C-alpha atoms as a PDB file:
ATOM      1  CA  MET A   1       0.000   0.000   0.000  1.00  0.00           C
ATOM      2  CA  GLU A   2       2.874   2.355   0.784  1.00  0.00           C
ATOM      3  CA  ARG A   3       4.238   1.899  -2.729  1.00  0.00           C
ATOM      4  CA  SER A   4       0.937   2.475  -4.507  1.00  0.00           C
ATOM      5  CA  GLN A   5       1.152   5.486  -6.790  1.00  0.00           C
ATOM      6  CA  GLN A   6      -2.648   5.713  -6.951  1.00  0.00           C
ATOM      7  CA  LEU A   7      -3.055   5.799  -3.187  1.00  0.00           C
ATOM      8  CA  ARG A   8      -0.345   8.440  -2.811  1.00  0.00           C
ATOM      9  CA  GLY A   9      -2.110  10.535  -5.432  1.00  0.00           C
ATOM     10  CA  LEU A  10      -5.354  10.702  -3.485  1.00  0.00           C
ATOM     11  CA  ARG A  11      -6.103  13.964  -1.802  1.00  0.00           C
ATOM     12  CA  ARG A  12      -6.568  13.791   1.908  1.00  0.00           C
ATOM     13  CA  HIS A  13      -9.241  15.978   3.426  1.00  0.00           C
ATOM     14  CA  LYS A  14     -10.468  16.042   6.947  1.00  0.00           C
ATOM     15  CA  LEU A  15     -14.065  17.128   6.944  1.00  0.00           C
ATOM     16  CA  HIS A  16     -15.472  18.704  10.056  1.00  0.00           C
ATOM     17  CA  PRO A  17     -19.166  19.367   9.406  1.00  0.00           C
ATOM     18  CA  LEU A  18     -19.663  20.872  12.846  1.00  0.00           C
ATOM     19  CA  ASP A  19     -17.037  23.500  12.056  1.00  0.00           C
ATOM     20  CA  LYS A  20     -19.302  25.071   9.452  1.00  0.00           C
ATOM     21  CA  PRO A  21     -21.130  28.167  10.629  1.00  0.00           C
ATOM     22  CA  LEU A  22     -24.833  27.694  11.156  1.00  0.00           C
ATOM     23  CA  ILE A  23     -27.062  29.278   8.550  1.00  0.00           C
ATOM     24  CA  PRO A  24     -29.117  31.869  10.389  1.00  0.00           C
ATOM     25  CA  TYR A  25     -32.866  31.491  10.040  1.00  0.00           C
ATOM     26  CA  THR A  26     -34.982  34.513   9.274  1.00  0.00           C
ATOM     27  CA  SER A  27     -37.990  35.265  11.421  1.00  0.00           C
ATOM     28  CA  GLU A  28     -40.162  34.393   8.406  1.00  0.00           C
ATOM     29  CA  THR A  29     -38.582  30.956   8.155  1.00  0.00           C
ATOM     30  CA  LEU A  30     -38.976  30.325  11.888  1.00  0.00           C
ATOM     31  CA  ALA A  31     -42.627  31.419  11.767  1.00  0.00           C
ATOM     32  CA  SER A  32     -43.265  29.160   8.781  1.00  0.00           C
ATOM     33  CA  ARG A  33     -41.710  26.173  10.542  1.00  0.00           C
ATOM     34  CA  ALA A  34     -43.691  26.890  13.708  1.00  0.00           C
ATOM     35  CA  ALA A  35     -46.938  27.088  11.708  1.00  0.00           C
ATOM     36  CA  TYR A  36     -46.154  23.802   9.978  1.00  0.00           C
ATOM     37  CA  ASP A  37     -45.341  22.115  13.290  1.00  0.00           C
ATOM     38  CA  GLU A  38     -48.583  23.417  14.789  1.00  0.00           C
ATOM     39  CA  GLU A  39     -50.576  22.122  11.806  1.00  0.00           C
ATOM     40  CA  ILE A  40     -49.084  18.651  12.226  1.00  0.00           C
ATOM     41  CA  ASP A  41     -49.707  18.735  15.978  1.00  0.00           C
ATOM     42  CA  ALA A  42     -53.328  19.804  15.390  1.00  0.00           C
ATOM     43  CA  GLN A  43     -53.827  16.883  13.001  1.00  0.00           C
ATOM     44  CA  ASP A  44     -52.412  14.507  15.621  1.00  0.00           C
ATOM     45  CA  ARG A  45     -54.686  15.930  18.321  1.00  0.00           C
ATOM     46  CA  LEU A  46     -57.703  15.550  16.029  1.00  0.00           C
ATOM     47  CA  ALA A  47     -56.787  11.950  15.210  1.00  0.00           C
ATOM     48  CA  HIS A  48     -56.383  11.125  18.902  1.00  0.00           C
ATOM     49  CA  ALA A  49     -59.705  12.808  19.729  1.00  0.00           C
ATOM     50  CA  ARG A  50     -61.507  10.835  17.009  1.00  0.00           C
ATOM     51  CA  ALA A  51     -59.941   7.576  18.177  1.00  0.00           C
ATOM     52  CA  PHE A  52     -60.993   8.359  21.748  1.00  0.00           C
ATOM     53  CA  LEU A  53     -64.581   9.166  20.726  1.00  0.00           C
ATOM     54  CA  LEU A  54     -64.884   6.007  18.633  1.00  0.00           C
ATOM     55  CA  ASN A  55     -63.829   3.765  21.525  1.00  0.00           C
END
């Protein structure tokens, strides 16, 4: 392996994904995500309520 020309030719990179700066979210994006989460939660509550009423 030490003598392999192909292996020596490979580039070596250490990737550190946590070193990348976080992309800041705009207030519009955060509000949109919160609305989506609330919609999903409301659907879950409705499904649980229907299941409770049917039993």
